[in-house]
Amino acid sequence: MNISRRALLGSISLLPLAPVAARAQGFGGNAAFYDIVRQIGGIADISDHLMDAANTEFVATYGELAQRNFVYALRTGSVSDRIKQASPAIQEQAAFIARLLYTGEVMRDGAYKAVYYPWCLGWKSLTFATAPGTCGGPAFGHWAHHPVAGDM
């Protein structure tokens, strides 16, 4: 098989998109849900782990039928406008997604627990801190040390 130089050079420009395409295919039927989650988060750069957590936790909390209804209600147009016009159930589910994305918290045994805090978007919004345990070593990293009096 002979490949022309033009065909080879033309196909190289598609290589950076290969991981994105593979990930989108991995989302399968949930691609629309993941797109809505990104819009609620307000940024495109949400870790795959947090995106998968949003999917898993949403289905565990509300069920697959609720997820389909959620996607149907918010599938087109501005998500913020659609949420304002949505039913209270959809608004509650959107708030659930926003809380999970920004705090990493989910309900466990009747209390909120920060299960996904190292990946949450709250850490991306800060320029002066990183998540405990991901900065300066194991456990809580630099967070394990009290601040020096002059640093406050």
Protein backbone atom coordinates (compact mmCIF):
# COMPACT_ATOMS: atom_id res chain seq x y z
CA MET A 1 0.00 0.00 0.00
CA ASN A 2 1.36 3.40 -0.97
CA ILE A 3 0.47 6.47 1.04
CA SER A 4 1.07 9.81 -0.56
CA ARG A 5 3.00 12.44 1.30
CA ARG A 6 -0.03 14.71 1.12
CA ALA A 7 -2.29 12.07 2.72
CA LEU A 8 0.26 11.40 5.45
CA LEU A 9 0.73 15.08 6.29
CA GLY A 10 -3.01 15.66 6.20
CA SER A 11 -3.67 12.85 8.65
CA ILE A 12 -1.05 14.06 11.15
CA SER A 13 -3.23 17.03 12.05
CA LEU A 14 -5.86 14.60 13.36
CA LEU A 15 -3.55 12.84 15.83
CA PRO A 16 -4.09 15.25 18.77
CA LEU A 17 -7.84 14.57 18.51
CA ALA A 18 -7.46 10.80 18.82
CA PRO A 19 -7.52 10.70 22.67
CA VAL A 20 -10.52 13.04 22.76
CA ALA A 21 -12.37 10.91 20.20
CA ALA A 22 -11.55 7.72 22.08
CA ARG A 23 -12.77 9.23 25.36
CA ALA A 24 -15.98 10.50 23.74
CA GLN A 25 -16.61 7.03 22.33
CA GLY A 26 -16.02 5.60 25.81
CA PHE A 27 -18.81 7.85 27.11
CA GLY A 28 -21.14 6.09 24.71
CA GLY A 29 -24.74 7.14 25.22
CA ASN A 30 -23.74 9.43 28.08
CA ALA A 31 -21.87 11.95 25.91
CA ALA A 32 -24.76 14.42 26.22
CA PHE A 33 -24.74 14.01 30.02
CA TYR A 34 -21.00 14.67 30.15
CA ASP A 35 -21.44 17.77 27.99
CA ILE A 36 -24.10 19.10 30.38
CA VAL A 37 -21.83 18.34 33.36
CA ARG A 38 -19.02 20.37 31.73
CA GLN A 39 -21.42 23.26 31.15
CA ILE A 40 -22.56 23.18 34.78
CA GLY A 41 -18.92 23.14 35.85
CA GLY A 42 -18.22 26.09 33.61
CA ILE A 43 -14.94 24.74 32.24
CA ALA A 44 -13.97 22.14 29.68
CA ASP A 45 -10.97 20.86 31.66
CA ILE A 46 -12.66 18.58 34.18
CA SER A 47 -10.72 15.43 35.06
CA ASP A 48 -12.00 12.16 33.64
CA HIS A 49 -12.16 10.79 37.18
CA LEU A 50 -14.51 13.58 38.28
CA MET A 51 -16.62 13.23 35.13
CA ASP A 52 -16.99 9.50 35.75
CA ALA A 53 -17.80 10.23 39.40
CA ALA A 54 -20.54 12.64 38.34
CA ASN A 55 -22.06 9.94 36.16
CA THR A 56 -21.76 7.18 38.75
CA GLU A 57 -23.00 9.29 41.67
CA PHE A 58 -25.89 10.76 39.68
CA VAL A 59 -27.13 7.33 38.65
CA ALA A 60 -26.64 5.96 42.18
CA THR A 61 -28.59 8.87 43.67
CA TYR A 62 -31.35 9.44 41.11
CA GLY A 63 -31.33 6.44 38.76
CA GLU A 64 -30.86 5.97 35.03
CA LEU A 65 -34.36 7.16 34.11
CA ALA A 66 -33.78 10.41 35.98
CA GLN A 67 -30.48 10.81 34.14
CA ARG A 68 -32.23 10.41 30.78
CA ASN A 69 -34.87 12.97 31.84
CA PHE A 70 -32.12 15.31 33.04
CA VAL A 71 -30.35 15.11 29.67
CA TYR A 72 -33.62 15.55 27.79
CA ALA A 73 -34.50 18.66 29.81
CA LEU A 74 -31.07 20.31 29.42
CA ARG A 75 -29.89 18.97 26.07
CA THR A 76 -30.16 22.14 23.97
CA GLY A 77 -29.52 25.81 24.50
CA SER A 78 -27.85 27.54 27.39
CA VAL A 79 -27.76 25.16 30.36
CA SER A 80 -28.12 28.01 32.86
CA ASP A 81 -31.27 29.26 31.08
CA ARG A 82 -32.67 25.73 30.80
CA ILE A 83 -32.06 25.08 34.52
CA LYS A 84 -33.99 28.26 35.44
CA GLN A 85 -36.95 27.02 33.38
CA ALA A 86 -36.69 23.38 34.53
CA SER A 87 -38.72 21.54 37.11
CA PRO A 88 -37.61 21.62 40.75
CA ALA A 89 -36.36 18.02 40.37
CA ILE A 90 -34.07 18.97 37.47
CA GLN A 91 -32.87 22.05 39.40
CA GLU A 92 -32.06 19.85 42.40
CA GLN A 93 -30.12 17.44 40.17
CA ALA A 94 -28.17 20.32 38.59
CA ALA A 95 -27.30 21.56 42.10
CA PHE A 96 -26.17 18.02 42.96
CA ILE A 97 -23.81 18.05 39.96
CA ALA A 98 -22.47 21.52 40.82
CA ARG A 99 -21.84 20.54 44.46
CA LEU A 100 -20.04 17.37 43.42
CA LEU A 101 -17.91 19.20 40.85
CA TYR A 102 -16.86 22.08 43.10
CA THR A 103 -16.60 20.41 46.51
CA GLY A 104 -16.14 16.73 45.70
CA GLU A 105 -18.89 15.99 48.24
CA VAL A 106 -21.52 13.27 48.03
CA MET A 107 -24.00 11.93 50.56
CA ARG A 108 -22.81 8.82 52.41
CA ASP A 109 -24.65 7.37 55.41
CA GLY A 110 -26.74 10.53 55.85
CA ALA A 111 -23.81 12.98 55.81
CA TYR A 112 -21.89 14.79 53.12
CA LYS A 113 -18.40 13.39 52.62
CA ALA A 114 -15.71 14.88 50.39
CA VAL A 115 -14.99 11.67 48.50
CA TYR A 116 -13.69 13.42 45.37
CA TYR A 117 -12.02 16.48 46.91
CA PRO A 118 -8.58 16.13 45.23
CA TRP A 119 -10.20 16.38 41.79
CA CYS A 120 -12.89 18.95 42.59
CA LEU A 121 -13.05 22.25 40.73
CA GLY A 122 -12.81 24.25 43.95
CA TRP A 123 -9.07 23.60 43.92
CA LYS A 124 -8.78 24.76 40.31
CA SER A 125 -10.40 28.06 41.27
CA LEU A 126 -7.66 28.84 43.81
CA THR A 127 -4.31 30.23 42.75
CA PHE A 128 -2.75 29.88 46.19
CA ALA A 129 -3.53 26.31 47.23
CA THR A 130 -3.79 22.73 46.05
CA ALA A 131 -5.77 19.87 47.46
CA PRO A 132 -4.52 18.33 50.70
CA GLY A 133 -2.53 15.21 49.98
CA THR A 134 -1.56 16.32 46.49
CA CYS A 135 0.84 19.01 47.68
CA GLY A 136 4.11 18.19 49.33
CA GLY A 137 3.72 14.53 50.16
CA PRO A 138 1.43 11.89 51.58
CA ALA A 139 -1.50 12.33 53.96
CA PHE A 140 -2.36 16.03 54.01
CA GLY A 141 1.02 17.22 52.65
CA HIS A 142 1.71 20.86 53.45
CA TRP A 143 -1.74 21.15 55.01
CA ALA A 144 -0.49 18.99 57.91
CA HIS A 145 1.78 21.84 59.06
CA HIS A 146 0.54 24.89 60.93
CA PRO A 147 1.21 28.17 59.13
CA VAL A 148 4.10 30.30 60.31
CA ALA A 149 2.86 33.35 62.24
CA GLY A 150 4.41 35.75 59.68
CA ASP A 151 2.61 34.01 56.76
CA MET A 152 -0.87 34.88 57.98
